[in-house]
Amino acid sequence: MVWQTAKAVKIPVIGLGGIANWKDAIEFILAGATAVQIGTYNFIDPAVSTKIVDGIEDYLNRQGFKSVQEIIGNMQ
């Protein structure tokens, strides 16, 4: 739904639902989300937000990107 919504509107899209790790967040960003919301998983692991940010930064570095903006909507 993020992919379809991001293609249909000209406003930022926030991805939410089922984000438990950095891979989930990257999938939402690649689909077109400009931000992600981490909800229920905060009750399971209060440090999840920090872990996700660290994972996203590591992913960007490994892939040679300088910022998240470079991958928004770049689902292939």
N, C-alpha and C. Protein backbone atom coordinates (compact mmCIF):
# COMPACT_ATOMS: atom_id res chain seq x y z
N MET A 1 0.82 -1.20 0.00
CA MET A 1 0.00 0.00 0.00
C MET A 1 0.86 1.27 0.00
N VAL A 2 2.02 1.21 0.64
CA VAL A 2 2.90 2.39 0.65
C VAL A 2 3.30 2.75 -0.77
N TRP A 3 3.70 1.75 -1.56
CA TRP A 3 4.11 1.99 -2.94
C TRP A 3 2.97 2.65 -3.73
N GLN A 4 1.77 2.08 -3.63
CA GLN A 4 0.63 2.62 -4.37
C GLN A 4 0.29 4.03 -3.92
N THR A 5 0.30 4.25 -2.61
CA THR A 5 -0.04 5.57 -2.08
C THR A 5 1.00 6.61 -2.47
N ALA A 6 2.27 6.27 -2.32
CA ALA A 6 3.35 7.21 -2.65
C ALA A 6 3.30 7.62 -4.12
N LYS A 7 2.89 6.72 -4.99
CA LYS A 7 2.79 7.03 -6.41
C LYS A 7 1.54 7.87 -6.73
N ALA A 8 0.53 7.79 -5.88
CA ALA A 8 -0.74 8.45 -6.15
C ALA A 8 -0.85 9.86 -5.58
N VAL A 9 -0.02 10.20 -4.58
CA VAL A 9 -0.14 11.50 -3.93
C VAL A 9 1.16 12.28 -4.04
N LYS A 10 1.07 13.57 -3.81
CA LYS A 10 2.24 14.45 -3.88
C LYS A 10 2.66 14.96 -2.50
N ILE A 11 2.31 14.21 -1.47
CA ILE A 11 2.66 14.57 -0.10
C ILE A 11 3.47 13.42 0.52
N PRO A 12 4.23 13.71 1.57
CA PRO A 12 4.99 12.63 2.21
C PRO A 12 4.07 11.52 2.74
N VAL A 13 4.56 10.31 2.65
CA VAL A 13 3.83 9.13 3.13
C VAL A 13 4.60 8.54 4.30
N ILE A 14 3.88 8.22 5.38
CA ILE A 14 4.50 7.59 6.54
C ILE A 14 4.13 6.11 6.52
N GLY A 15 5.15 5.26 6.56
CA GLY A 15 4.92 3.82 6.59
C GLY A 15 4.75 3.35 8.03
N LEU A 16 3.74 2.53 8.27
CA LEU A 16 3.54 2.00 9.62
C LEU A 16 2.86 0.66 9.55
N GLY A 17 3.09 -0.10 10.60
CA GLY A 17 2.49 -1.42 10.70
C GLY A 17 3.49 -2.52 10.49
N GLY A 18 3.88 -3.17 11.55
CA GLY A 18 4.77 -4.32 11.43
C GLY A 18 6.25 -4.00 11.36
N ILE A 19 6.64 -2.82 11.72
CA ILE A 19 8.07 -2.48 11.68
C ILE A 19 8.71 -2.90 12.99
N ALA A 20 9.60 -3.90 12.89
CA ALA A 20 10.25 -4.45 14.08
C ALA A 20 11.78 -4.39 14.00
N ASN A 21 12.31 -4.07 12.80
CA ASN A 21 13.76 -4.00 12.65
C ASN A 21 14.11 -3.10 11.47
N TRP A 22 15.41 -2.91 11.27
CA TRP A 22 15.84 -1.98 10.22
C TRP A 22 15.46 -2.48 8.83
N LYS A 23 15.41 -3.80 8.63
CA LYS A 23 15.03 -4.33 7.32
C LYS A 23 13.59 -3.96 6.97
N ASP A 24 12.71 -4.04 7.96
CA ASP A 24 11.32 -3.64 7.74
C ASP A 24 11.25 -2.16 7.36
N ALA A 25 12.00 -1.33 8.08
CA ALA A 25 12.00 0.11 7.80
C ALA A 25 12.52 0.39 6.40
N ILE A 26 13.60 -0.27 6.01
CA ILE A 26 14.17 -0.08 4.67
C ILE A 26 13.14 -0.47 3.60
N GLU A 27 12.43 -1.56 3.80
CA GLU A 27 11.41 -1.97 2.83
C GLU A 27 10.36 -0.88 2.65
N PHE A 28 9.92 -0.28 3.73
CA PHE A 28 8.92 0.79 3.65
C PHE A 28 9.50 2.00 2.92
N ILE A 29 10.75 2.34 3.22
CA ILE A 29 11.38 3.50 2.58
C ILE A 29 11.57 3.24 1.09
N LEU A 30 12.05 2.07 0.74
CA LEU A 30 12.21 1.73 -0.68
C LEU A 30 10.87 1.76 -1.42
N ALA A 31 9.80 1.46 -0.71
CA ALA A 31 8.46 1.49 -1.32
C ALA A 31 7.91 2.91 -1.47
N GLY A 32 8.58 3.90 -0.84
CA GLY A 32 8.15 5.28 -1.01
C GLY A 32 7.84 6.04 0.26
N ALA A 33 7.96 5.40 1.42
CA ALA A 33 7.70 6.11 2.67
C ALA A 33 8.83 7.10 2.95
N THR A 34 8.47 8.30 3.33
CA THR A 34 9.48 9.30 3.70
C THR A 34 9.81 9.23 5.18
N ALA A 35 9.01 8.49 5.92
CA ALA A 35 9.23 8.26 7.35
C ALA A 35 8.54 6.95 7.72
N VAL A 36 8.95 6.39 8.84
CA VAL A 36 8.29 5.18 9.34
C VAL A 36 7.92 5.39 10.80
N GLN A 37 6.86 4.73 11.21
CA GLN A 37 6.40 4.78 12.60
C GLN A 37 6.58 3.41 13.22
N ILE A 38 7.23 3.39 14.36
CA ILE A 38 7.40 2.15 15.11
C ILE A 38 6.44 2.19 16.27
N GLY A 39 5.55 1.23 16.32
CA GLY A 39 4.51 1.25 17.34
C GLY A 39 4.70 0.20 18.41
N THR A 40 3.94 -0.85 18.30
CA THR A 40 3.85 -1.89 19.32
C THR A 40 5.20 -2.50 19.67
N TYR A 41 6.11 -2.59 18.72
CA TYR A 41 7.39 -3.23 19.01
C TYR A 41 8.16 -2.50 20.11
N ASN A 42 7.84 -1.23 20.35
CA ASN A 42 8.47 -0.49 21.46
C ASN A 42 8.18 -1.14 22.81
N PHE A 43 7.05 -1.84 22.93
CA PHE A 43 6.73 -2.53 24.18
C PHE A 43 7.57 -3.79 24.36
N ILE A 44 7.95 -4.40 23.24
CA ILE A 44 8.78 -5.60 23.28
C ILE A 44 10.24 -5.24 23.52
N ASP A 45 10.70 -4.19 22.82
CA ASP A 45 12.09 -3.75 22.93
C ASP A 45 12.13 -2.22 22.92
N PRO A 46 12.24 -1.60 24.10
CA PRO A 46 12.26 -0.13 24.16
C PRO A 46 13.42 0.51 23.39
N ALA A 47 14.44 -0.25 23.05
CA ALA A 47 15.58 0.29 22.32
C ALA A 47 15.45 0.09 20.81
N VAL A 48 14.31 -0.38 20.34
CA VAL A 48 14.15 -0.71 18.93
C VAL A 48 14.37 0.49 18.02
N SER A 49 13.95 1.67 18.41
CA SER A 49 14.12 2.85 17.55
C SER A 49 15.59 3.11 17.27
N THR A 50 16.41 3.04 18.31
CA THR A 50 17.85 3.25 18.15
C THR A 50 18.46 2.17 17.28
N LYS A 51 18.04 0.94 17.49
CA LYS A 51 18.56 -0.17 16.69
C LYS A 51 18.19 0.01 15.21
N ILE A 52 16.99 0.48 14.96
CA ILE A 52 16.55 0.68 13.58
C ILE A 52 17.34 1.80 12.92
N VAL A 53 17.53 2.90 13.61
CA VAL A 53 18.32 4.00 13.06
C VAL A 53 19.74 3.54 12.75
N ASP A 54 20.34 2.82 13.69
CA ASP A 54 21.70 2.30 13.47
C ASP A 54 21.74 1.35 12.27
N GLY A 55 20.73 0.50 12.15
CA GLY A 55 20.67 -0.43 11.03
C GLY A 55 20.49 0.27 9.69
N ILE A 56 19.68 1.31 9.68
CA ILE A 56 19.48 2.08 8.44
C ILE A 56 20.79 2.77 8.05
N GLU A 57 21.45 3.37 9.01
CA GLU A 57 22.73 4.03 8.72
C GLU A 57 23.75 3.03 8.18
N ASP A 58 23.82 1.86 8.79
CA ASP A 58 24.75 0.83 8.33
C ASP A 58 24.40 0.39 6.91
N TYR A 59 23.12 0.18 6.63
CA TYR A 59 22.67 -0.20 5.29
C TYR A 59 23.08 0.85 4.27
N LEU A 60 22.82 2.12 4.57
CA LEU A 60 23.17 3.19 3.65
C LEU A 60 24.66 3.21 3.36
N ASN A 61 25.47 3.06 4.40
CA ASN A 61 26.92 3.05 4.24
C ASN A 61 27.37 1.87 3.38
N ARG A 62 26.83 0.69 3.64
CA ARG A 62 27.21 -0.50 2.88
C ARG A 62 26.83 -0.39 1.41
N GLN A 63 25.71 0.28 1.15
CA GLN A 63 25.22 0.41 -0.22
C GLN A 63 25.77 1.64 -0.93
N GLY A 64 26.51 2.48 -0.21
CA GLY A 64 27.13 3.66 -0.81
C GLY A 64 26.22 4.88 -0.94
N PHE A 65 25.16 4.92 -0.16
CA PHE A 65 24.27 6.08 -0.17
C PHE A 65 24.68 7.06 0.92
N LYS A 66 24.47 8.34 0.65
CA LYS A 66 24.83 9.36 1.63
C LYS A 66 23.66 9.76 2.53
N SER A 67 22.44 9.49 2.07
CA SER A 67 21.27 9.86 2.88
C SER A 67 20.08 8.97 2.54
N VAL A 68 19.12 8.96 3.43
CA VAL A 68 17.88 8.20 3.22
C VAL A 68 17.13 8.72 2.00
N GLN A 69 17.21 10.02 1.76
CA GLN A 69 16.47 10.61 0.63
C GLN A 69 16.83 9.93 -0.69
N GLU A 70 18.05 9.41 -0.79
CA GLU A 70 18.48 8.77 -2.03
C GLU A 70 17.75 7.45 -2.31
N ILE A 71 17.18 6.84 -1.30
CA ILE A 71 16.55 5.53 -1.52
C ILE A 71 15.03 5.57 -1.44
N ILE A 72 14.45 6.68 -1.07
CA ILE A 72 12.99 6.76 -0.96
C ILE A 72 12.35 6.46 -2.32
N GLY A 73 11.53 5.43 -2.35
CA GLY A 73 10.82 5.06 -3.57
C GLY A 73 11.65 4.32 -4.60
N ASN A 74 12.85 3.90 -4.24
CA ASN A 74 13.73 3.22 -5.20
C ASN A 74 13.57 1.71 -5.15
N MET A 75 12.36 1.25 -4.98
CA MET A 75 12.10 -0.18 -4.98
C MET A 75 12.33 -0.74 -6.38
N GLN A 76 13.08 -1.81 -6.46
CA GLN A 76 13.39 -2.37 -7.78
C GLN A 76 12.85 -3.75 -7.92
